[in-house]
Amino acid sequence: MSEDPQPQGARARHTHYERARNGVLSPFGDTTGTGLWHIRAGHPGGAYSDLGHELDLPAEHTPTVLTRYDRSGRDDSSLGACLRCTWEGSRRSGPGALNRAVEDAHDHAFPGWRTLPTLPPAADGHGRRRDWHAVAGCYPAGWLDRGAPVLRPAVGRGDQHRPPHAARPRYELRIVRPAGPNTDTPDGQEPLF
């Protein structure tokens, strides 16, 4: 007997989840969908997302995230998935699980995405288009049309990746920059500027 009797693949799992929630699978049983994998709300193909609901499969691999809730209703775990095929990443749980699942999905859909340039932080939105045009030429051919991610520096270690939406049809991945060289002064005081 299989440990996970659910169908495989993001679309199949989400359909199974919706059928359970609507009472189609067990009309007198649990209709909350608790314990079933489904596309996380706000991510392509999930609730509250304006992307990924087309009836036809995408032409290319498209990253999304599956999640599952335990009986208490908390996030139990997440895994990266693809809307094009049945690929699923490793189960992720604990702090940072959602970001790691998003990154797994991008490793599948856009191998090599980690080498893309990071856009500078844009606190006020001014200069975003200019910054984007400056790095867009560094993307492999066809990736922009397929929704390759935008990389931005993370504000902190807990900064979540942003799922795509109609106004930005690509994930915005928040990347933690590696620590720079030690710039301490001889007296142990770090520079202020």
N, C-alpha and C. Protein backbone atom coordinates (compact mmCIF):
# COMPACT_ATOMS: atom_id res chain seq x y z
N MET A 1 0.84 -1.19 0.00
CA MET A 1 0.00 0.00 0.00
C MET A 1 0.87 1.24 0.00
N SER A 2 0.54 2.20 -0.80
CA SER A 2 1.31 3.43 -0.92
C SER A 2 1.13 4.30 0.32
N GLU A 3 2.21 4.98 0.71
CA GLU A 3 2.15 5.88 1.85
C GLU A 3 1.31 7.11 1.54
N ASP A 4 1.26 7.52 0.29
CA ASP A 4 0.53 8.71 -0.13
C ASP A 4 -0.44 8.33 -1.24
N PRO A 5 -1.73 8.04 -0.90
CA PRO A 5 -2.68 7.59 -1.91
C PRO A 5 -3.19 8.70 -2.82
N GLN A 6 -2.79 9.93 -2.59
CA GLN A 6 -3.25 11.02 -3.44
C GLN A 6 -2.62 10.93 -4.82
N PRO A 7 -3.29 11.49 -5.81
CA PRO A 7 -2.68 11.53 -7.15
C PRO A 7 -1.42 12.39 -7.12
N GLN A 8 -0.57 12.23 -8.11
CA GLN A 8 0.67 12.99 -8.21
C GLN A 8 0.51 14.17 -9.16
N GLY A 9 1.24 15.23 -8.89
CA GLY A 9 1.21 16.42 -9.74
C GLY A 9 0.33 17.50 -9.15
N ALA A 10 0.72 18.75 -9.34
CA ALA A 10 0.03 19.88 -8.74
C ALA A 10 -1.45 19.95 -9.14
N ARG A 11 -1.73 19.83 -10.42
CA ARG A 11 -3.12 19.94 -10.87
C ARG A 11 -3.99 18.80 -10.35
N ALA A 12 -3.46 17.58 -10.40
CA ALA A 12 -4.23 16.42 -9.93
C ALA A 12 -4.47 16.50 -8.42
N ARG A 13 -3.44 16.88 -7.68
CA ARG A 13 -3.60 16.99 -6.22
C ARG A 13 -4.60 18.08 -5.85
N HIS A 14 -4.54 19.21 -6.55
CA HIS A 14 -5.46 20.30 -6.23
C HIS A 14 -6.90 19.92 -6.58
N THR A 15 -7.10 19.24 -7.69
CA THR A 15 -8.44 18.77 -8.04
C THR A 15 -8.96 17.80 -6.99
N HIS A 16 -8.11 16.87 -6.54
CA HIS A 16 -8.47 15.91 -5.50
C HIS A 16 -8.88 16.65 -4.21
N TYR A 17 -8.10 17.66 -3.85
CA TYR A 17 -8.38 18.47 -2.66
C TYR A 17 -9.73 19.18 -2.78
N GLU A 18 -9.98 19.82 -3.93
CA GLU A 18 -11.25 20.53 -4.13
C GLU A 18 -12.43 19.56 -4.10
N ARG A 19 -12.26 18.39 -4.66
CA ARG A 19 -13.35 17.40 -4.63
C ARG A 19 -13.63 16.95 -3.20
N ALA A 20 -12.60 16.79 -2.40
CA ALA A 20 -12.79 16.41 -1.00
C ALA A 20 -13.49 17.53 -0.24
N ARG A 21 -13.06 18.75 -0.46
CA ARG A 21 -13.68 19.90 0.23
C ARG A 21 -15.13 20.09 -0.16
N ASN A 22 -15.48 19.75 -1.39
CA ASN A 22 -16.85 19.92 -1.86
C ASN A 22 -17.72 18.68 -1.59
N GLY A 23 -17.16 17.68 -0.89
CA GLY A 23 -17.93 16.51 -0.51
C GLY A 23 -18.09 15.47 -1.59
N VAL A 24 -17.40 15.61 -2.71
CA VAL A 24 -17.54 14.65 -3.80
C VAL A 24 -16.89 13.32 -3.45
N LEU A 25 -15.75 13.35 -2.74
CA LEU A 25 -15.04 12.11 -2.43
C LEU A 25 -15.63 11.38 -1.23
N SER A 26 -16.07 12.12 -0.21
CA SER A 26 -16.65 11.50 0.97
C SER A 26 -17.78 12.39 1.48
N PRO A 27 -18.98 12.19 0.96
CA PRO A 27 -20.08 13.11 1.28
C PRO A 27 -20.44 13.17 2.75
N PHE A 28 -20.08 12.17 3.55
CA PHE A 28 -20.44 12.20 4.97
C PHE A 28 -19.21 12.32 5.86
N GLY A 29 -18.04 12.45 5.26
CA GLY A 29 -16.81 12.52 6.04
C GLY A 29 -16.28 13.93 6.16
N ASP A 30 -15.00 14.02 6.42
CA ASP A 30 -14.32 15.29 6.57
C ASP A 30 -14.26 16.00 5.22
N THR A 31 -14.87 17.19 5.17
CA THR A 31 -14.85 17.95 3.91
C THR A 31 -13.99 19.19 4.03
N THR A 32 -13.05 19.20 4.96
CA THR A 32 -12.18 20.36 5.11
C THR A 32 -10.96 20.28 4.21
N GLY A 33 -10.62 19.10 3.73
CA GLY A 33 -9.41 18.94 2.94
C GLY A 33 -8.17 18.84 3.82
N THR A 34 -8.35 18.74 5.13
CA THR A 34 -7.22 18.66 6.05
C THR A 34 -6.36 17.46 5.71
N GLY A 35 -5.07 17.68 5.63
CA GLY A 35 -4.14 16.60 5.35
C GLY A 35 -3.92 16.33 3.87
N LEU A 36 -4.66 17.01 3.00
CA LEU A 36 -4.49 16.80 1.56
C LEU A 36 -3.61 17.90 0.97
N TRP A 37 -2.72 17.50 0.09
CA TRP A 37 -1.88 18.47 -0.61
C TRP A 37 -2.74 19.26 -1.58
N HIS A 38 -2.47 20.54 -1.69
CA HIS A 38 -3.17 21.42 -2.64
C HIS A 38 -2.27 22.60 -2.96
N ILE A 39 -2.59 23.28 -4.05
CA ILE A 39 -1.80 24.45 -4.45
C ILE A 39 -2.05 25.55 -3.42
N ARG A 40 -0.97 26.09 -2.93
CA ARG A 40 -1.06 27.13 -1.89
C ARG A 40 -1.76 28.36 -2.43
N ALA A 41 -2.63 28.94 -1.62
CA ALA A 41 -3.36 30.14 -2.00
C ALA A 41 -2.39 31.24 -2.41
N GLY A 42 -2.70 31.92 -3.50
CA GLY A 42 -1.86 33.01 -4.00
C GLY A 42 -0.80 32.57 -5.00
N HIS A 43 -0.55 31.27 -5.09
CA HIS A 43 0.45 30.77 -6.02
C HIS A 43 -0.25 30.29 -7.29
N PRO A 44 0.45 30.25 -8.44
CA PRO A 44 -0.20 29.89 -9.70
C PRO A 44 -1.02 28.59 -9.60
N GLY A 45 -2.28 28.68 -10.02
CA GLY A 45 -3.18 27.54 -9.98
C GLY A 45 -3.97 27.43 -8.68
N GLY A 46 -3.63 28.22 -7.68
CA GLY A 46 -4.30 28.16 -6.38
C GLY A 46 -5.33 29.26 -6.22
N ALA A 47 -6.05 29.19 -5.10
CA ALA A 47 -7.04 30.22 -4.79
C ALA A 47 -6.37 31.58 -4.67
N TYR A 48 -7.09 32.61 -5.01
CA TYR A 48 -6.63 34.00 -4.93
C TYR A 48 -5.47 34.30 -5.87
N SER A 49 -5.25 33.46 -6.85
CA SER A 49 -4.22 33.73 -7.86
C SER A 49 -4.92 33.96 -9.19
N ASP A 50 -4.48 34.96 -9.92
CA ASP A 50 -5.08 35.22 -11.23
C ASP A 50 -4.27 34.56 -12.34
N LEU A 51 -3.38 33.63 -11.99
CA LEU A 51 -2.56 32.93 -12.97
C LEU A 51 -2.67 31.41 -12.76
N GLY A 52 -2.51 30.66 -13.84
CA GLY A 52 -2.42 29.21 -13.73
C GLY A 52 -3.73 28.45 -13.73
N HIS A 53 -4.83 29.10 -14.08
CA HIS A 53 -6.12 28.42 -14.08
C HIS A 53 -6.61 28.03 -15.48
N GLU A 54 -5.74 28.12 -16.46
CA GLU A 54 -6.13 27.77 -17.82
C GLU A 54 -6.46 26.28 -17.88
N LEU A 55 -7.37 25.90 -18.76
CA LEU A 55 -7.75 24.50 -18.89
C LEU A 55 -6.66 23.68 -19.55
N ASP A 56 -5.94 24.28 -20.50
CA ASP A 56 -4.85 23.58 -21.17
C ASP A 56 -3.58 23.68 -20.34
N LEU A 57 -2.74 22.66 -20.47
CA LEU A 57 -1.45 22.68 -19.77
C LEU A 57 -0.59 23.81 -20.31
N PRO A 58 0.22 24.43 -19.47
CA PRO A 58 1.15 25.43 -19.99
C PRO A 58 2.11 24.78 -20.99
N ALA A 59 2.62 25.55 -21.92
CA ALA A 59 3.55 25.02 -22.92
C ALA A 59 4.90 24.67 -22.30
N GLU A 60 5.25 25.33 -21.21
CA GLU A 60 6.55 25.13 -20.55
C GLU A 60 6.33 24.78 -19.08
N HIS A 61 7.37 24.28 -18.44
CA HIS A 61 7.30 24.00 -17.01
C HIS A 61 7.02 25.29 -16.26
N THR A 62 6.08 25.25 -15.32
CA THR A 62 5.63 26.43 -14.60
C THR A 62 5.65 26.14 -13.11
N PRO A 63 6.46 26.88 -12.34
CA PRO A 63 6.57 26.60 -10.91
C PRO A 63 5.34 27.03 -10.11
N THR A 64 5.03 26.23 -9.09
CA THR A 64 4.01 26.57 -8.11
C THR A 64 4.38 25.85 -6.82
N VAL A 65 3.54 25.96 -5.80
CA VAL A 65 3.83 25.35 -4.50
C VAL A 65 2.60 24.62 -3.99
N LEU A 66 2.81 23.41 -3.51
CA LEU A 66 1.77 22.64 -2.83
C LEU A 66 1.98 22.79 -1.33
N THR A 67 0.89 22.78 -0.60
CA THR A 67 0.96 22.85 0.86
C THR A 67 -0.06 21.89 1.44
N ARG A 68 0.12 21.58 2.71
CA ARG A 68 -0.80 20.67 3.39
C ARG A 68 -0.93 21.14 4.83
N TYR A 69 -2.13 21.08 5.37
CA TYR A 69 -2.39 21.53 6.73
C TYR A 69 -2.62 20.33 7.63
N ASP A 70 -2.13 20.43 8.86
CA ASP A 70 -2.41 19.36 9.82
C ASP A 70 -3.78 19.62 10.46
N ARG A 71 -4.19 18.79 11.36
CA ARG A 71 -5.52 18.90 11.98
C ARG A 71 -5.72 20.22 12.72
N SER A 72 -4.64 20.84 13.21
CA SER A 72 -4.78 22.09 13.93
C SER A 72 -4.99 23.28 13.00
N GLY A 73 -4.78 23.08 11.69
CA GLY A 73 -4.96 24.15 10.71
C GLY A 73 -3.70 24.93 10.42
N ARG A 74 -2.60 24.61 11.08
CA ARG A 74 -1.33 25.29 10.81
C ARG A 74 -0.73 24.73 9.52
N ASP A 75 0.18 25.49 8.92
CA ASP A 75 0.93 24.97 7.78
C ASP A 75 1.75 23.80 8.27
N ASP A 76 1.57 22.67 7.66
CA ASP A 76 2.33 21.48 8.06
C ASP A 76 3.61 21.39 7.25
N SER A 77 3.48 21.47 5.95
CA SER A 77 4.65 21.37 5.08
C SER A 77 4.31 21.89 3.70
N SER A 78 5.36 22.09 2.89
CA SER A 78 5.21 22.59 1.53
C SER A 78 6.13 21.81 0.61
N LEU A 79 5.80 21.80 -0.66
CA LEU A 79 6.72 21.24 -1.65
C LEU A 79 6.54 21.94 -2.97
N GLY A 80 7.65 22.10 -3.68
CA GLY A 80 7.60 22.71 -5.00
C GLY A 80 6.93 21.76 -5.97
N ALA A 81 6.27 22.32 -6.97
CA ALA A 81 5.58 21.50 -7.96
C ALA A 81 5.54 22.25 -9.29
N CYS A 82 5.04 21.57 -10.31
CA CYS A 82 4.99 22.12 -11.66
C CYS A 82 3.57 22.00 -12.19
N LEU A 83 3.07 23.06 -12.85
CA LEU A 83 1.74 23.01 -13.45
C LEU A 83 1.74 22.30 -14.80
N ARG A 84 2.90 22.09 -15.39
CA ARG A 84 3.01 21.44 -16.70
C ARG A 84 3.07 19.92 -16.59
N CYS A 85 3.83 19.42 -15.61
CA CYS A 85 4.05 17.98 -15.49
C CYS A 85 3.76 17.53 -14.05
N THR A 86 4.02 16.28 -13.75
CA THR A 86 3.74 15.76 -12.41
C THR A 86 4.93 15.87 -11.46
N TRP A 87 5.97 16.59 -11.84
CA TRP A 87 7.14 16.74 -10.97
C TRP A 87 6.75 17.38 -9.64
N GLU A 88 7.30 16.84 -8.57
CA GLU A 88 7.15 17.41 -7.24
C GLU A 88 8.49 17.37 -6.54
N GLY A 89 8.80 18.41 -5.79
CA GLY A 89 10.05 18.49 -5.06
C GLY A 89 9.98 17.74 -3.74
N SER A 90 11.00 17.92 -2.96
CA SER A 90 11.07 17.30 -1.64
C SER A 90 10.14 18.00 -0.67
N ARG A 91 9.62 17.23 0.28
CA ARG A 91 8.76 17.80 1.32
C ARG A 91 9.62 18.70 2.20
N ARG A 92 9.13 19.92 2.42
CA ARG A 92 9.83 20.90 3.23
C ARG A 92 8.96 21.27 4.43
N SER A 93 9.55 21.35 5.60
CA SER A 93 8.80 21.79 6.78
C SER A 93 9.73 22.60 7.67
N GLY A 94 9.15 23.30 8.60
CA GLY A 94 9.93 24.14 9.51
C GLY A 94 10.12 25.54 8.96
N PRO A 95 10.91 26.35 9.68
CA PRO A 95 11.15 27.73 9.23
C PRO A 95 11.78 27.76 7.83
N GLY A 96 11.26 28.62 6.99
CA GLY A 96 11.80 28.77 5.64
C GLY A 96 11.32 27.71 4.66
N ALA A 97 10.39 26.85 5.07
CA ALA A 97 9.94 25.76 4.20
C ALA A 97 9.31 26.27 2.91
N LEU A 98 8.50 27.30 3.00
CA LEU A 98 7.83 27.83 1.81
C LEU A 98 8.85 28.36 0.81
N ASN A 99 9.82 29.13 1.28
CA ASN A 99 10.85 29.65 0.36
C ASN A 99 11.63 28.51 -0.28
N ARG A 100 12.00 27.49 0.49
CA ARG A 100 12.76 26.37 -0.07
C ARG A 100 11.93 25.63 -1.11
N ALA A 101 10.62 25.49 -0.90
CA ALA A 101 9.75 24.82 -1.87
C ALA A 101 9.66 25.64 -3.16
N VAL A 102 9.52 26.96 -3.03
CA VAL A 102 9.48 27.83 -4.22
C VAL A 102 10.79 27.69 -5.00
N GLU A 103 11.91 27.66 -4.30
CA GLU A 103 13.20 27.52 -4.96
C GLU A 103 13.35 26.16 -5.64
N ASP A 104 12.84 25.09 -5.01
CA ASP A 104 12.85 23.77 -5.64
C ASP A 104 12.10 23.80 -6.97
N ALA A 105 10.92 24.44 -6.97
CA ALA A 105 10.10 24.51 -8.19
C ALA A 105 10.84 25.29 -9.28
N HIS A 106 11.56 26.32 -8.89
CA HIS A 106 12.33 27.09 -9.88
C HIS A 106 13.54 26.30 -10.38
N ASP A 107 14.14 25.48 -9.52
CA ASP A 107 15.23 24.61 -9.97
C ASP A 107 14.73 23.67 -11.08
N HIS A 108 13.48 23.24 -10.97
CA HIS A 108 12.90 22.36 -11.99
C HIS A 108 12.57 23.14 -13.27
N ALA A 109 11.88 24.27 -13.13
CA ALA A 109 11.39 25.01 -14.30
C ALA A 109 12.47 25.87 -14.96
N PHE A 110 13.40 26.40 -14.16
CA PHE A 110 14.44 27.30 -14.68
C PHE A 110 15.80 26.90 -14.11
N PRO A 111 16.34 25.74 -14.53
CA PRO A 111 17.65 25.34 -13.99
C PRO A 111 18.67 26.45 -14.26
N GLY A 112 19.41 26.80 -13.24
CA GLY A 112 20.39 27.86 -13.38
C GLY A 112 19.89 29.22 -12.96
N TRP A 113 18.67 29.33 -12.48
CA TRP A 113 18.12 30.64 -12.10
C TRP A 113 18.95 31.32 -11.01
N ARG A 114 19.66 30.55 -10.21
CA ARG A 114 20.44 31.13 -9.11
C ARG A 114 21.59 32.00 -9.60
N THR A 115 21.95 31.87 -10.87
CA THR A 115 23.04 32.67 -11.43
C THR A 115 22.54 33.98 -12.04
N LEU A 116 21.23 34.21 -12.04
CA LEU A 116 20.69 35.45 -12.59
C LEU A 116 21.11 36.64 -11.74
N PRO A 117 21.23 37.81 -12.34
CA PRO A 117 21.60 39.00 -11.55
C PRO A 117 20.47 39.40 -10.60
N THR A 118 20.86 40.00 -9.50
CA THR A 118 19.89 40.49 -8.52
C THR A 118 19.61 41.95 -8.80
N LEU A 119 18.33 42.28 -8.89
CA LEU A 119 17.95 43.68 -9.07
C LEU A 119 18.19 44.43 -7.77
N PRO A 120 18.52 45.70 -7.84
CA PRO A 120 18.70 46.46 -6.59
C PRO A 120 17.35 46.63 -5.89
N PRO A 121 17.39 46.87 -4.58
CA PRO A 121 16.13 47.12 -3.88
C PRO A 121 15.46 48.36 -4.45
N ALA A 122 14.14 48.31 -4.58
CA ALA A 122 13.40 49.47 -5.10
C ALA A 122 12.29 49.78 -4.12
N ALA A 123 12.59 50.58 -3.14
CA ALA A 123 11.65 50.87 -2.07
C ALA A 123 10.43 51.65 -2.54
N ASP A 124 10.61 52.51 -3.52
CA ASP A 124 9.51 53.38 -3.91
C ASP A 124 8.95 53.10 -5.30
N GLY A 125 9.47 52.13 -6.00
CA GLY A 125 8.98 51.82 -7.33
C GLY A 125 9.64 52.62 -8.43
N HIS A 126 10.29 53.74 -8.11
CA HIS A 126 10.99 54.53 -9.12
C HIS A 126 12.24 53.77 -9.54
N GLY A 127 12.50 53.72 -10.80
CA GLY A 127 13.70 53.06 -11.29
C GLY A 127 13.53 51.57 -11.51
N ARG A 128 12.39 50.98 -11.17
CA ARG A 128 12.21 49.54 -11.35
C ARG A 128 12.33 49.15 -12.82
N ARG A 129 11.69 49.91 -13.69
CA ARG A 129 11.73 49.59 -15.11
C ARG A 129 13.15 49.72 -15.65
N ARG A 130 13.85 50.76 -15.24
CA ARG A 130 15.23 50.96 -15.66
C ARG A 130 16.10 49.80 -15.15
N ASP A 131 15.93 49.43 -13.87
CA ASP A 131 16.70 48.32 -13.30
C ASP A 131 16.40 47.02 -14.05
N TRP A 132 15.13 46.81 -14.36
CA TRP A 132 14.73 45.59 -15.05
C TRP A 132 15.38 45.51 -16.43
N HIS A 133 15.35 46.60 -17.18
CA HIS A 133 15.96 46.61 -18.52
C HIS A 133 17.46 46.38 -18.45
N ALA A 134 18.08 46.81 -17.37
CA ALA A 134 19.53 46.64 -17.22
C ALA A 134 19.92 45.17 -17.07
N VAL A 135 19.05 44.35 -16.45
CA VAL A 135 19.41 42.95 -16.23
C VAL A 135 18.70 41.98 -17.17
N ALA A 136 17.65 42.43 -17.84
CA ALA A 136 16.86 41.52 -18.69
C ALA A 136 17.71 40.84 -19.76
N GLY A 137 18.73 41.51 -20.26
CA GLY A 137 19.60 40.93 -21.27
C GLY A 137 20.45 39.78 -20.76
N CYS A 138 20.54 39.63 -19.44
CA CYS A 138 21.34 38.54 -18.85
C CYS A 138 20.56 37.22 -18.77
N TYR A 139 19.27 37.26 -19.05
CA TYR A 139 18.45 36.05 -18.96
C TYR A 139 18.64 35.18 -20.20
N PRO A 140 18.63 33.85 -20.04
CA PRO A 140 18.72 32.96 -21.21
C PRO A 140 17.55 33.20 -22.17
N ALA A 141 17.77 32.91 -23.42
CA ALA A 141 16.75 33.10 -24.45
C ALA A 141 15.45 32.38 -24.09
N GLY A 142 14.34 33.09 -24.21
CA GLY A 142 13.02 32.52 -23.96
C GLY A 142 12.57 32.53 -22.52
N TRP A 143 13.47 32.75 -21.59
CA TRP A 143 13.08 32.70 -20.17
C TRP A 143 12.12 33.81 -19.78
N LEU A 144 12.30 35.00 -20.30
CA LEU A 144 11.42 36.11 -19.92
C LEU A 144 9.98 35.82 -20.34
N ASP A 145 9.81 35.27 -21.54
CA ASP A 145 8.46 34.93 -22.01
C ASP A 145 7.83 33.82 -21.18
N ARG A 146 8.65 32.97 -20.60
CA ARG A 146 8.14 31.85 -19.79
C ARG A 146 7.91 32.23 -18.33
N GLY A 147 8.25 33.47 -17.93
CA GLY A 147 8.00 33.90 -16.56
C GLY A 147 9.14 33.61 -15.61
N ALA A 148 10.38 33.69 -16.09
CA ALA A 148 11.54 33.48 -15.21
C ALA A 148 11.46 34.44 -14.02
N PRO A 149 12.00 34.06 -12.88
CA PRO A 149 11.86 34.90 -11.68
C PRO A 149 12.69 36.17 -11.72
N VAL A 150 12.26 37.13 -10.95
CA VAL A 150 13.02 38.34 -10.68
C VAL A 150 13.70 38.12 -9.34
N LEU A 151 14.98 38.42 -9.25
CA LEU A 151 15.70 38.27 -7.98
C LEU A 151 15.90 39.65 -7.36
N ARG A 152 15.55 39.76 -6.09
CA ARG A 152 15.76 41.00 -5.33
C ARG A 152 16.42 40.64 -4.01
N PRO A 153 17.18 41.56 -3.44
CA PRO A 153 17.78 41.27 -2.13
C PRO A 153 16.70 41.13 -1.06
N ALA A 154 16.89 40.19 -0.16
CA ALA A 154 15.96 40.01 0.96
C ALA A 154 16.20 41.11 1.98
N VAL A 155 15.13 41.52 2.62
CA VAL A 155 15.23 42.51 3.68
C VAL A 155 15.81 41.86 4.93
N GLY A 156 15.45 40.60 5.15
CA GLY A 156 15.95 39.83 6.28
C GLY A 156 15.84 38.35 5.96
N ARG A 157 16.29 37.49 6.85
CA ARG A 157 16.27 36.05 6.59
C ARG A 157 14.85 35.49 6.45
N GLY A 158 13.87 36.12 7.08
CA GLY A 158 12.49 35.64 7.01
C GLY A 158 11.68 36.22 5.87
N ASP A 159 12.30 36.99 5.00
CA ASP A 159 11.59 37.62 3.88
C ASP A 159 11.09 36.55 2.91
N GLN A 160 9.78 36.52 2.68
CA GLN A 160 9.17 35.51 1.83
C GLN A 160 9.27 35.87 0.35
N HIS A 161 9.43 34.85 -0.49
CA HIS A 161 9.35 35.05 -1.93
C HIS A 161 7.93 35.49 -2.27
N ARG A 162 7.79 36.34 -3.28
CA ARG A 162 6.47 36.84 -3.68
C ARG A 162 5.96 36.05 -4.88
N PRO A 163 4.75 35.49 -4.78
CA PRO A 163 4.20 34.77 -5.94
C PRO A 163 3.81 35.74 -7.05
N PRO A 164 3.73 35.24 -8.28
CA PRO A 164 3.36 36.12 -9.40
C PRO A 164 1.89 36.50 -9.37
N HIS A 165 1.56 37.53 -10.10
CA HIS A 165 0.18 37.97 -10.29
C HIS A 165 0.11 38.67 -11.65
N ALA A 166 -1.08 39.11 -12.02
CA ALA A 166 -1.26 39.67 -13.36
C ALA A 166 -0.34 40.86 -13.63
N ALA A 167 -0.09 41.70 -12.64
CA ALA A 167 0.76 42.87 -12.85
C ALA A 167 2.24 42.51 -12.89
N ARG A 168 2.63 41.38 -12.29
CA ARG A 168 4.01 40.90 -12.31
C ARG A 168 3.95 39.39 -12.53
N PRO A 169 3.89 38.95 -13.78
CA PRO A 169 3.65 37.52 -14.06
C PRO A 169 4.88 36.63 -13.85
N ARG A 170 5.60 36.86 -12.80
CA ARG A 170 6.77 36.04 -12.46
C ARG A 170 6.98 36.15 -10.96
N TYR A 171 7.56 35.11 -10.38
CA TYR A 171 7.90 35.17 -8.96
C TYR A 171 8.95 36.24 -8.72
N GLU A 172 8.87 36.88 -7.58
CA GLU A 172 9.94 37.77 -7.12
C GLU A 172 10.61 37.04 -5.97
N LEU A 173 11.80 36.51 -6.23
CA LEU A 173 12.51 35.74 -5.23
C LEU A 173 13.42 36.65 -4.42
N ARG A 174 13.27 36.61 -3.11
CA ARG A 174 14.05 37.43 -2.19
C ARG A 174 15.29 36.64 -1.78
N ILE A 175 16.45 37.10 -2.22
CA ILE A 175 17.70 36.38 -2.03
C ILE A 175 18.52 37.04 -0.93
N VAL A 176 18.98 36.21 0.02
CA VAL A 176 19.85 36.71 1.08
C VAL A 176 21.26 36.81 0.50
N ARG A 177 21.83 37.98 0.56
CA ARG A 177 23.19 38.18 0.05
C ARG A 177 24.19 37.58 1.02
N PRO A 178 25.23 36.96 0.49
CA PRO A 178 26.26 36.45 1.40
C PRO A 178 26.96 37.60 2.11
N ALA A 179 27.44 37.32 3.31
CA ALA A 179 28.14 38.34 4.08
C ALA A 179 29.38 38.80 3.32
N GLY A 180 29.64 40.09 3.37
CA GLY A 180 30.81 40.64 2.69
C GLY A 180 32.06 40.42 3.52
N PRO A 181 33.16 40.95 3.05
CA PRO A 181 34.41 40.79 3.80
C PRO A 181 34.32 41.50 5.15
N ASN A 182 35.08 41.03 6.11
CA ASN A 182 35.09 41.61 7.44
C ASN A 182 35.65 43.03 7.35
N THR A 183 34.82 44.00 7.75
CA THR A 183 35.23 45.40 7.65
C THR A 183 35.41 46.03 9.02
N ASP A 184 35.57 45.20 10.04
CA ASP A 184 35.77 45.75 11.38
C ASP A 184 37.03 46.58 11.43
N THR A 185 37.01 47.64 12.22
CA THR A 185 38.20 48.46 12.43
C THR A 185 39.07 47.83 13.50
N PRO A 186 40.34 48.22 13.59
CA PRO A 186 41.23 47.62 14.58
C PRO A 186 40.73 47.73 16.02
N ASP A 187 39.95 48.77 16.33
CA ASP A 187 39.47 48.90 17.71
C ASP A 187 38.20 48.11 17.96
N GLY A 188 37.74 47.33 16.97
CA GLY A 188 36.55 46.49 17.14
C GLY A 188 35.24 47.17 16.79
N GLN A 189 35.29 48.46 16.50
CA GLN A 189 34.08 49.20 16.15
C GLN A 189 33.79 49.03 14.66
N GLU A 190 32.57 48.60 14.33
CA GLU A 190 32.19 48.48 12.92
C GLU A 190 31.98 49.87 12.34
N PRO A 191 32.31 50.06 11.07
CA PRO A 191 32.09 51.38 10.46
C PRO A 191 30.60 51.72 10.42
N LEU A 192 30.29 53.00 10.56
CA LEU A 192 28.91 53.43 10.54
C LEU A 192 28.37 53.64 9.14
N PHE A 193 29.22 53.90 8.17
CA PHE A 193 28.77 54.16 6.81
C PHE A 193 29.52 53.30 5.84
